[in-house]
Amino acid sequence: MYAVIFRAKPGIQDDEYGKTVARMRDLAFDKYGCLDFVAVTEGDQEIAISYWEDEASIKAWKSDAEHSLAQEAGRSKWYESYIVQVVEIKREYKFNT
């Protein structure tokens, strides 16, 4: 299993931003097999973690045309900066799930 960690410093996030985020989330799940998605904002930092079965799904998601347009909008108006990390999950521990 893999995780994509998106850490950003938000800029101006308007109504279009909220609609785009919802659409991108649906697209990731419905078309590319995203397993889970969690996002939080604290202070001036937004962190989103999505979980994927394989790296091929992540690459397909990254190159999706609609996702590419959303990324452009993110760079031009919704985020001051961001970093994306793709990691492989080697172990997982659970308690009372």
PDB file of N, CA and C in Angstrom:
ATOM      1  N   MET A   1       0.845  -1.169   0.000  1.00  0.00           N
ATOM      2  CA  MET A   1       0.000   0.000   0.000  1.00  0.00           C
ATOM      3  C   MET A   1       0.896   1.240   0.000  1.00  0.00           C
ATOM      4  N   TYR A   2       0.373   2.314  -0.613  1.00  0.00           N
ATOM      5  CA  TYR A   2       1.086   3.577  -0.719  1.00  0.00           C
ATOM      6  C   TYR A   2       0.234   4.702  -0.144  1.00  0.00           C
ATOM      7  N   ALA A   3       0.898   5.777   0.225  1.00  0.00           N
ATOM      8  CA  ALA A   3       0.195   6.975   0.679  1.00  0.00           C
ATOM      9  C   ALA A   3       0.781   8.180  -0.049  1.00  0.00           C
ATOM     10  N   VAL A   4      -0.094   9.120  -0.365  1.00  0.00           N
ATOM     11  CA  VAL A   4       0.330  10.393  -0.926  1.00  0.00           C
ATOM     12  C   VAL A   4       0.044  11.444   0.140  1.00  0.00           C
ATOM     13  N   ILE A   5       1.090  12.127   0.560  1.00  0.00           N
ATOM     14  CA  ILE A   5       0.965  13.163   1.586  1.00  0.00           C
ATOM     15  C   ILE A   5       1.090  14.515   0.894  1.00  0.00           C
ATOM     16  N   PHE A   6       0.042  15.313   1.030  1.00  0.00           N
ATOM     17  CA  PHE A   6      -0.005  16.646   0.433  1.00  0.00           C
ATOM     18  C   PHE A   6      -0.012  17.659   1.570  1.00  0.00           C
ATOM     19  N   ARG A   7       1.057  18.457   1.676  1.00  0.00           N
ATOM     20  CA  ARG A   7       1.159  19.486   2.715  1.00  0.00           C
ATOM     21  C   ARG A   7       1.211  20.832   2.028  1.00  0.00           C
ATOM     22  N   ALA A   8       0.326  21.734   2.445  1.00  0.00           N
ATOM     23  CA  ALA A   8       0.230  23.008   1.740  1.00  0.00           C
ATOM     24  C   ALA A   8       0.032  24.167   2.689  1.00  0.00           C
ATOM     25  N   LYS A   9       0.461  25.326   2.214  1.00  0.00           N
ATOM     26  CA  LYS A   9       0.123  26.587   2.856  1.00  0.00           C
ATOM     27  C   LYS A   9      -0.970  27.201   1.987  1.00  0.00           C
ATOM     28  N   PRO A  10      -2.215  27.221   2.485  1.00  0.00           N
ATOM     29  CA  PRO A  10      -3.328  27.713   1.664  1.00  0.00           C
ATOM     30  C   PRO A  10      -3.221  29.198   1.356  1.00  0.00           C
ATOM     31  N   GLY A  11      -3.749  29.548   0.185  1.00  0.00           N
ATOM     32  CA  GLY A  11      -3.925  30.940  -0.199  1.00  0.00           C
ATOM     33  C   GLY A  11      -5.408  31.256  -0.068  1.00  0.00           C
ATOM     34  N   ILE A  12      -5.972  31.872  -1.081  1.00  0.00           N
ATOM     35  CA  ILE A  12      -7.399  32.200  -1.086  1.00  0.00           C
ATOM     36  C   ILE A  12      -8.170  30.978  -1.569  1.00  0.00           C
ATOM     37  N   GLN A  13      -9.070  30.491  -0.737  1.00  0.00           N
ATOM     38  CA  GLN A  13      -9.850  29.306  -1.088  1.00  0.00           C
ATOM     39  C   GLN A  13     -11.319  29.691  -1.176  1.00  0.00           C
ATOM     40  N   ASP A  14     -11.783  29.911  -2.392  1.00  0.00           N
ATOM     41  CA  ASP A  14     -13.130  30.379  -2.668  1.00  0.00           C
ATOM     42  C   ASP A  14     -14.109  29.208  -2.844  1.00  0.00           C
ATOM     43  N   ASP A  15     -15.333  29.515  -3.272  1.00  0.00           N
ATOM     44  CA  ASP A  15     -16.344  28.479  -3.491  1.00  0.00           C
ATOM     45  C   ASP A  15     -15.906  27.474  -4.552  1.00  0.00           C
ATOM     46  N   GLU A  16     -15.232  27.964  -5.580  1.00  0.00           N
ATOM     47  CA  GLU A  16     -14.741  27.079  -6.642  1.00  0.00           C
ATOM     48  C   GLU A  16     -13.755  26.060  -6.068  1.00  0.00           C
ATOM     49  N   TYR A  17     -12.956  26.491  -5.119  1.00  0.00           N
ATOM     50  CA  TYR A  17     -12.000  25.588  -4.472  1.00  0.00           C
ATOM     51  C   TYR A  17     -12.736  24.416  -3.819  1.00  0.00           C
ATOM     52  N   GLY A  18     -13.758  24.713  -3.029  1.00  0.00           N
ATOM     53  CA  GLY A  18     -14.507  23.653  -2.350  1.00  0.00           C
ATOM     54  C   GLY A  18     -15.138  22.674  -3.324  1.00  0.00           C
ATOM     55  N   LYS A  19     -15.694  23.184  -4.401  1.00  0.00           N
ATOM     56  CA  LYS A  19     -16.312  22.317  -5.420  1.00  0.00           C
ATOM     57  C   LYS A  19     -15.265  21.456  -6.111  1.00  0.00           C
ATOM     58  N   THR A  20     -14.115  22.049  -6.398  1.00  0.00           N
ATOM     59  CA  THR A  20     -13.047  21.318  -7.074  1.00  0.00           C
ATOM     60  C   THR A  20     -12.490  20.221  -6.179  1.00  0.00           C
ATOM     61  N   VAL A  21     -12.294  20.524  -4.904  1.00  0.00           N
ATOM     62  CA  VAL A  21     -11.794  19.516  -3.964  1.00  0.00           C
ATOM     63  C   VAL A  21     -12.753  18.332  -3.896  1.00  0.00           C
ATOM     64  N   ALA A  22     -14.045  18.602  -3.801  1.00  0.00           N
ATOM     65  CA  ALA A  22     -15.048  17.528  -3.745  1.00  0.00           C
ATOM     66  C   ALA A  22     -15.017  16.700  -5.029  1.00  0.00           C
ATOM     67  N   ARG A  23     -14.898  17.361  -6.170  1.00  0.00           N
ATOM     68  CA  ARG A  23     -14.853  16.651  -7.449  1.00  0.00           C
ATOM     69  C   ARG A  23     -13.596  15.799  -7.551  1.00  0.00           C
ATOM     70  N   MET A  24     -12.450  16.331  -7.141  1.00  0.00           N
ATOM     71  CA  MET A  24     -11.190  15.584  -7.217  1.00  0.00           C
ATOM     72  C   MET A  24     -11.225  14.366  -6.302  1.00  0.00           C
ATOM     73  N   ARG A  25     -11.823  14.535  -5.150  1.00  0.00           N
ATOM     74  CA  ARG A  25     -11.947  13.406  -4.217  1.00  0.00           C
ATOM     75  C   ARG A  25     -12.801  12.302  -4.831  1.00  0.00           C
ATOM     76  N   ASP A  26     -13.952  12.674  -5.383  1.00  0.00           N
ATOM     77  CA  ASP A  26     -14.828  11.689  -6.033  1.00  0.00           C
ATOM     78  C   ASP A  26     -14.117  10.989  -7.179  1.00  0.00           C
ATOM     79  N   LEU A  27     -13.403  11.759  -7.995  1.00  0.00           N
ATOM     80  CA  LEU A  27     -12.671  11.202  -9.127  1.00  0.00           C
ATOM     81  C   LEU A  27     -11.603  10.213  -8.663  1.00  0.00           C
ATOM     82  N   ALA A  28     -10.886  10.567  -7.608  1.00  0.00           N
ATOM     83  CA  ALA A  28      -9.833   9.680  -7.086  1.00  0.00           C
ATOM     84  C   ALA A  28     -10.414   8.341  -6.643  1.00  0.00           C
ATOM     85  N   PHE A  29     -11.542   8.379  -5.964  1.00  0.00           N
ATOM     86  CA  PHE A  29     -12.175   7.147  -5.506  1.00  0.00           C
ATOM     87  C   PHE A  29     -12.805   6.370  -6.657  1.00  0.00           C
ATOM     88  N   ASP A  30     -13.595   7.048  -7.479  1.00  0.00           N
ATOM     89  CA  ASP A  30     -14.402   6.370  -8.498  1.00  0.00           C
ATOM     90  C   ASP A  30     -13.607   5.870  -9.697  1.00  0.00           C
ATOM     91  N   LYS A  31     -12.615   6.629 -10.128  1.00  0.00           N
ATOM     92  CA  LYS A  31     -11.893   6.275 -11.353  1.00  0.00           C
ATOM     93  C   LYS A  31     -10.525   5.649 -11.107  1.00  0.00           C
ATOM     94  N   TYR A  32      -9.879   6.016  -9.987  1.00  0.00           N
ATOM     95  CA  TYR A  32      -8.493   5.596  -9.793  1.00  0.00           C
ATOM     96  C   TYR A  32      -8.247   4.692  -8.586  1.00  0.00           C
ATOM     97  N   GLY A  33      -9.303   4.324  -7.885  1.00  0.00           N
ATOM     98  CA  GLY A  33      -9.163   3.329  -6.820  1.00  0.00           C
ATOM     99  C   GLY A  33      -8.560   3.824  -5.525  1.00  0.00           C
ATOM    100  N   CYS A  34      -8.675   5.107  -5.233  1.00  0.00           N
ATOM    101  CA  CYS A  34      -8.212   5.606  -3.938  1.00  0.00           C
ATOM    102  C   CYS A  34      -8.909   4.822  -2.840  1.00  0.00           C
ATOM    103  N   LEU A  35      -8.161   4.394  -1.850  1.00  0.00           N
ATOM    104  CA  LEU A  35      -8.700   3.561  -0.773  1.00  0.00           C
ATOM    105  C   LEU A  35      -9.253   4.373   0.391  1.00  0.00           C
ATOM    106  N   ASP A  36      -8.619   5.500   0.687  1.00  0.00           N
ATOM    107  CA  ASP A  36      -9.048   6.344   1.799  1.00  0.00           C
ATOM    108  C   ASP A  36      -8.440   7.728   1.596  1.00  0.00           C
ATOM    109  N   PHE A  37      -9.055   8.715   2.215  1.00  0.00           N
ATOM    110  CA  PHE A  37      -8.594  10.089   2.071  1.00  0.00           C
ATOM    111  C   PHE A  37      -8.938  10.836   3.346  1.00  0.00           C
ATOM    112  N   VAL A  38      -7.940  11.490   3.942  1.00  0.00           N
ATOM    113  CA  VAL A  38      -8.136  12.250   5.174  1.00  0.00           C
ATOM    114  C   VAL A  38      -7.460  13.603   4.987  1.00  0.00           C
ATOM    115  N   ALA A  39      -8.159  14.681   5.369  1.00  0.00           N
ATOM    116  CA  ALA A  39      -7.580  16.022   5.254  1.00  0.00           C
ATOM    117  C   ALA A  39      -7.895  16.828   6.502  1.00  0.00           C
ATOM    118  N   VAL A  40      -6.912  17.614   6.940  1.00  0.00           N
ATOM    119  CA  VAL A  40      -7.095  18.495   8.093  1.00  0.00           C
ATOM    120  C   VAL A  40      -6.381  19.813   7.823  1.00  0.00           C
ATOM    121  N   THR A  41      -6.878  20.859   8.465  1.00  0.00           N
ATOM    122  CA  THR A  41      -6.223  22.161   8.416  1.00  0.00           C
ATOM    123  C   THR A  41      -5.970  22.600   9.845  1.00  0.00           C
ATOM    124  N   GLU A  42      -4.740  23.028  10.085  1.00  0.00           N
ATOM    125  CA  GLU A  42      -4.390  23.526  11.407  1.00  0.00           C
ATOM    126  C   GLU A  42      -3.497  24.740  11.228  1.00  0.00           C
ATOM    127  N   GLY A  43      -3.939  25.858  11.767  1.00  0.00           N
ATOM    128  CA  GLY A  43      -3.174  27.088  11.602  1.00  0.00           C
ATOM    129  C   GLY A  43      -3.069  27.441  10.138  1.00  0.00           C
ATOM    130  N   ASP A  44      -1.840  27.631   9.665  1.00  0.00           N
ATOM    131  CA  ASP A  44      -1.646  27.985   8.260  1.00  0.00           C
ATOM    132  C   ASP A  44      -1.178  26.795   7.428  1.00  0.00           C
ATOM    133  N   GLN A  45      -1.542  25.592   7.847  1.00  0.00           N
ATOM    134  CA  GLN A  45      -1.105  24.400   7.135  1.00  0.00           C
ATOM    135  C   GLN A  45      -2.274  23.453   6.871  1.00  0.00           C
ATOM    136  N   GLU A  46      -2.337  22.960   5.652  1.00  0.00           N
ATOM    137  CA  GLU A  46      -3.313  21.940   5.275  1.00  0.00           C
ATOM    138  C   GLU A  46      -2.547  20.657   4.990  1.00  0.00           C
ATOM    139  N   ILE A  47      -3.057  19.554   5.502  1.00  0.00           N
ATOM    140  CA  ILE A  47      -2.430  18.259   5.246  1.00  0.00           C
ATOM    141  C   ILE A  47      -3.509  17.297   4.778  1.00  0.00           C
ATOM    142  N   ALA A  48      -3.256  16.646   3.652  1.00  0.00           N
ATOM    143  CA  ALA A  48      -4.165  15.635   3.130  1.00  0.00           C
ATOM    144  C   ALA A  48      -3.358  14.373   2.863  1.00  0.00           C
ATOM    145  N   ILE A  49      -3.891  13.242   3.272  1.00  0.00           N
ATOM    146  CA  ILE A  49      -3.236  11.958   3.037  1.00  0.00           C
ATOM    147  C   ILE A  49      -4.237  11.063   2.318  1.00  0.00           C
ATOM    148  N   SER A  50      -3.821  10.562   1.174  1.00  0.00           N
ATOM    149  CA  SER A  50      -4.651   9.596   0.459  1.00  0.00           C
ATOM    150  C   SER A  50      -3.903   8.270   0.402  1.00  0.00           C
ATOM    151  N   TYR A  51      -4.657   7.189   0.399  1.00  0.00           N
ATOM    152  CA  TYR A  51      -4.092   5.843   0.429  1.00  0.00           C
ATOM    153  C   TYR A  51      -4.451   5.112  -0.858  1.00  0.00           C
ATOM    154  N   TRP A  52      -3.483   4.373  -1.392  1.00  0.00           N
ATOM    155  CA  TRP A  52      -3.610   3.738  -2.694  1.00  0.00           C
ATOM    156  C   TRP A  52      -3.040   2.320  -2.656  1.00  0.00           C
ATOM    157  N   GLU A  53      -3.579   1.457  -3.480  1.00  0.00           N
ATOM    158  CA  GLU A  53      -3.115   0.067  -3.544  1.00  0.00           C
ATOM    159  C   GLU A  53      -1.740  -0.040  -4.198  1.00  0.00           C
ATOM    160  N   ASP A  54      -1.498   0.773  -5.235  1.00  0.00           N
ATOM    161  CA  ASP A  54      -0.231   0.655  -5.959  1.00  0.00           C
ATOM    162  C   ASP A  54       0.202   2.001  -6.541  1.00  0.00           C
ATOM    163  N   GLU A  55       1.436   2.044  -6.942  1.00  0.00           N
ATOM    164  CA  GLU A  55       2.007   3.277  -7.472  1.00  0.00           C
ATOM    165  C   GLU A  55       1.436   3.622  -8.850  1.00  0.00           C
ATOM    166  N   ALA A  56       1.057   2.624  -9.617  1.00  0.00           N
ATOM    167  CA  ALA A  56       0.478   2.866 -10.944  1.00  0.00           C
ATOM    168  C   ALA A  56      -0.815   3.679 -10.835  1.00  0.00           C
ATOM    169  N   SER A  57      -1.615   3.403  -9.830  1.00  0.00           N
ATOM    170  CA  SER A  57      -2.863   4.155  -9.622  1.00  0.00           C
ATOM    171  C   SER A  57      -2.562   5.616  -9.289  1.00  0.00           C
ATOM    172  N   ILE A  58      -1.531   5.842  -8.499  1.00  0.00           N
ATOM    173  CA  ILE A  58      -1.141   7.204  -8.136  1.00  0.00           C
ATOM    174  C   ILE A  58      -0.673   7.968  -9.380  1.00  0.00           C
ATOM    175  N   LYS A  59       0.132   7.315 -10.216  1.00  0.00           N
ATOM    176  CA  LYS A  59       0.623   7.959 -11.435  1.00  0.00           C
ATOM    177  C   LYS A  59      -0.518   8.266 -12.395  1.00  0.00           C
ATOM    178  N   ALA A  60      -1.473   7.354 -12.506  1.00  0.00           N
ATOM    179  CA  ALA A  60      -2.635   7.583 -13.369  1.00  0.00           C
ATOM    180  C   ALA A  60      -3.443   8.772 -12.851  1.00  0.00           C
ATOM    181  N   TRP A  61      -3.638   8.828 -11.549  1.00  0.00           N
ATOM    182  CA  TRP A  61      -4.361   9.935 -10.919  1.00  0.00           C
ATOM    183  C   TRP A  61      -3.649  11.259 -11.172  1.00  0.00           C
ATOM    184  N   LYS A  62      -2.332  11.269 -10.996  1.00  0.00           N
ATOM    185  CA  LYS A  62      -1.562  12.499 -11.186  1.00  0.00           C
ATOM    186  C   LYS A  62      -1.673  13.017 -12.611  1.00  0.00           C
ATOM    187  N   SER A  63      -1.740  12.123 -13.589  1.00  0.00           N
ATOM    188  CA  SER A  63      -1.764  12.549 -14.986  1.00  0.00           C
ATOM    189  C   SER A  63      -3.170  12.760 -15.549  1.00  0.00           C
ATOM    190  N   ASP A  64      -4.214  12.566 -14.744  1.00  0.00           N
ATOM    191  CA  ASP A  64      -5.585  12.802 -15.200  1.00  0.00           C
ATOM    192  C   ASP A  64      -5.740  14.259 -15.649  1.00  0.00           C
ATOM    193  N   ALA A  65      -6.393  14.475 -16.802  1.00  0.00           N
ATOM    194  CA  ALA A  65      -6.522  15.820 -17.371  1.00  0.00           C
ATOM    195  C   ALA A  65      -7.267  16.777 -16.439  1.00  0.00           C
ATOM    196  N   GLU A  66      -8.351  16.303 -15.837  1.00  0.00           N
ATOM    197  CA  GLU A  66      -9.126  17.160 -14.929  1.00  0.00           C
ATOM    198  C   GLU A  66      -8.322  17.500 -13.672  1.00  0.00           C
ATOM    199  N   HIS A  67      -7.570  16.519 -13.182  1.00  0.00           N
ATOM    200  CA  HIS A  67      -6.717  16.734 -12.019  1.00  0.00           C
ATOM    201  C   HIS A  67      -5.606  17.737 -12.354  1.00  0.00           C
ATOM    202  N   SER A  68      -5.063  17.656 -13.573  1.00  0.00           N
ATOM    203  CA  SER A  68      -4.021  18.597 -13.995  1.00  0.00           C
ATOM    204  C   SER A  68      -4.536  20.033 -13.988  1.00  0.00           C
ATOM    205  N   LEU A  69      -5.780  20.240 -14.431  1.00  0.00           N
ATOM    206  CA  LEU A  69      -6.372  21.582 -14.401  1.00  0.00           C
ATOM    207  C   LEU A  69      -6.545  22.071 -12.961  1.00  0.00           C
ATOM    208  N   ALA A  70      -6.960  21.167 -12.086  1.00  0.00           N
ATOM    209  CA  ALA A  70      -7.108  21.529 -10.669  1.00  0.00           C
ATOM    210  C   ALA A  70      -5.752  21.892 -10.061  1.00  0.00           C
ATOM    211  N   GLN A  71      -4.711  21.173 -10.455  1.00  0.00           N
ATOM    212  CA  GLN A  71      -3.372  21.482  -9.955  1.00  0.00           C
ATOM    213  C   GLN A  71      -2.917  22.870 -10.415  1.00  0.00           C
ATOM    214  N   GLU A  72      -3.213  23.202 -11.666  1.00  0.00           N
ATOM    215  CA  GLU A  72      -2.875  24.532 -12.180  1.00  0.00           C
ATOM    216  C   GLU A  72      -3.567  25.625 -11.370  1.00  0.00           C
ATOM    217  N   ALA A  73      -4.865  25.422 -11.108  1.00  0.00           N
ATOM    218  CA  ALA A  73      -5.613  26.404 -10.309  1.00  0.00           C
ATOM    219  C   ALA A  73      -5.033  26.493  -8.904  1.00  0.00           C
ATOM    220  N   GLY A  74      -4.619  25.357  -8.359  1.00  0.00           N
ATOM    221  CA  GLY A  74      -3.999  25.354  -7.038  1.00  0.00           C
ATOM    222  C   GLY A  74      -2.746  26.201  -7.000  1.00  0.00           C
ATOM    223  N   ARG A  75      -1.911  26.041  -8.010  1.00  0.00           N
ATOM    224  CA  ARG A  75      -0.666  26.818  -8.059  1.00  0.00           C
ATOM    225  C   ARG A  75      -0.923  28.305  -8.312  1.00  0.00           C
ATOM    226  N   SER A  76      -1.930  28.611  -9.116  1.00  0.00           N
ATOM    227  CA  SER A  76      -2.141  30.013  -9.487  1.00  0.00           C
ATOM    228  C   SER A  76      -2.951  30.812  -8.468  1.00  0.00           C
ATOM    229  N   LYS A  77      -3.832  30.126  -7.670  1.00  0.00           N
ATOM    230  CA  LYS A  77      -4.646  30.931  -6.761  1.00  0.00           C
ATOM    231  C   LYS A  77      -4.971  30.311  -5.403  1.00  0.00           C
ATOM    232  N   TRP A  78      -4.985  29.015  -5.250  1.00  0.00           N
ATOM    233  CA  TRP A  78      -5.471  28.429  -4.000  1.00  0.00           C
ATOM    234  C   TRP A  78      -4.385  28.112  -2.978  1.00  0.00           C
ATOM    235  N   TYR A  79      -3.137  27.996  -3.427  1.00  0.00           N
ATOM    236  CA  TYR A  79      -2.047  27.662  -2.508  1.00  0.00           C
ATOM    237  C   TYR A  79      -0.888  28.609  -2.682  1.00  0.00           C
ATOM    238  N   GLU A  80      -0.283  28.984  -1.554  1.00  0.00           N
ATOM    239  CA  GLU A  80       0.953  29.763  -1.605  1.00  0.00           C
ATOM    240  C   GLU A  80       2.133  28.843  -1.887  1.00  0.00           C
ATOM    241  N   SER A  81       2.064  27.631  -1.330  1.00  0.00           N
ATOM    242  CA  SER A  81       3.108  26.631  -1.557  1.00  0.00           C
ATOM    243  C   SER A  81       2.559  25.263  -1.169  1.00  0.00           C
ATOM    244  N   TYR A  82       3.205  24.220  -1.691  1.00  0.00           N
ATOM    245  CA  TYR A  82       2.842  22.865  -1.274  1.00  0.00           C
ATOM    246  C   TYR A  82       3.976  21.899  -1.569  1.00  0.00           C
ATOM    247  N   ILE A  83       3.904  20.757  -0.940  1.00  0.00           N
ATOM    248  CA  ILE A  83       4.843  19.664  -1.178  1.00  0.00           C
ATOM    249  C   ILE A  83       4.026  18.379  -1.219  1.00  0.00           C
ATOM    250  N   VAL A  84       4.389  17.495  -2.136  1.00  0.00           N
ATOM    251  CA  VAL A  84       3.726  16.201  -2.269  1.00  0.00           C
ATOM    252  C   VAL A  84       4.779  15.122  -2.037  1.00  0.00           C
ATOM    253  N   GLN A  85       4.449  14.173  -1.179  1.00  0.00           N
ATOM    254  CA  GLN A  85       5.338  13.047  -0.909  1.00  0.00           C
ATOM    255  C   GLN A  85       4.570  11.753  -1.181  1.00  0.00           C
ATOM    256  N   VAL A  86       5.201  10.824  -1.884  1.00  0.00           N
ATOM    257  CA  VAL A  86       4.619   9.510  -2.128  1.00  0.00           C
ATOM    258  C   VAL A  86       5.460   8.516  -1.342  1.00  0.00           C
ATOM    259  N   VAL A  87       4.801   7.786  -0.465  1.00  0.00           N
ATOM    260  CA  VAL A  87       5.526   6.858   0.411  1.00  0.00           C
ATOM    261  C   VAL A  87       4.909   5.462   0.323  1.00  0.00           C
ATOM    262  N   GLU A  88       5.742   4.476   0.512  1.00  0.00           N
ATOM    263  CA  GLU A  88       5.254   3.100   0.590  1.00  0.00           C
ATOM    264  C   GLU A  88       5.090   2.739   2.057  1.00  0.00           C
ATOM    265  N   ILE A  89       3.958   2.180   2.394  1.00  0.00           N
ATOM    266  CA  ILE A  89       3.688   1.775   3.773  1.00  0.00           C
ATOM    267  C   ILE A  89       4.254   0.374   3.967  1.00  0.00           C
ATOM    268  N   LYS A  90       5.215   0.265   4.846  1.00  0.00           N
ATOM    269  CA  LYS A  90       5.887  -1.011   5.093  1.00  0.00           C
ATOM    270  C   LYS A  90       5.181  -1.841   6.156  1.00  0.00           C
ATOM    271  N   ARG A  91       4.634  -1.171   7.163  1.00  0.00           N
ATOM    272  CA  ARG A  91       3.937  -1.854   8.249  1.00  0.00           C
ATOM    273  C   ARG A  91       2.740  -1.023   8.658  1.00  0.00           C
ATOM    274  N   GLU A  92       1.785  -1.699   9.267  1.00  0.00           N
ATOM    275  CA  GLU A  92       0.605  -1.004   9.779  1.00  0.00           C
ATOM    276  C   GLU A  92       0.213  -1.680  11.094  1.00  0.00           C
ATOM    277  N   TYR A  93      -0.104  -0.871  12.070  1.00  0.00           N
ATOM    278  CA  TYR A  93      -0.550  -1.373  13.372  1.00  0.00           C
ATOM    279  C   TYR A  93      -1.921  -0.794  13.647  1.00  0.00           C
ATOM    280  N   LYS A  94      -2.748  -1.569  14.299  1.00  0.00           N
ATOM    281  CA  LYS A  94      -4.112  -1.105  14.607  1.00  0.00           C
ATOM    282  C   LYS A  94      -4.455  -1.427  16.055  1.00  0.00           C
ATOM    283  N   PHE A  95      -5.360  -0.645  16.571  1.00  0.00           N
ATOM    284  CA  PHE A  95      -5.927  -0.874  17.893  1.00  0.00           C
ATOM    285  C   PHE A  95      -7.412  -0.602  17.822  1.00  0.00           C
ATOM    286  N   ASN A  96      -8.208  -1.566  18.168  1.00  0.00           N
ATOM    287  CA  ASN A  96      -9.660  -1.378  18.312  1.00  0.00           C
ATOM    288  C   ASN A  96     -10.334  -0.758  17.099  1.00  0.00           C
ATOM    289  N   THR A  97     -10.086  -1.271  15.919  1.00  0.00           N
ATOM    290  CA  THR A  97     -10.744  -0.696  14.738  1.00  0.00           C
ATOM    291  C   THR A  97     -11.943  -1.489  14.325  1.00  0.00           C
TER     292      THR A  97
END
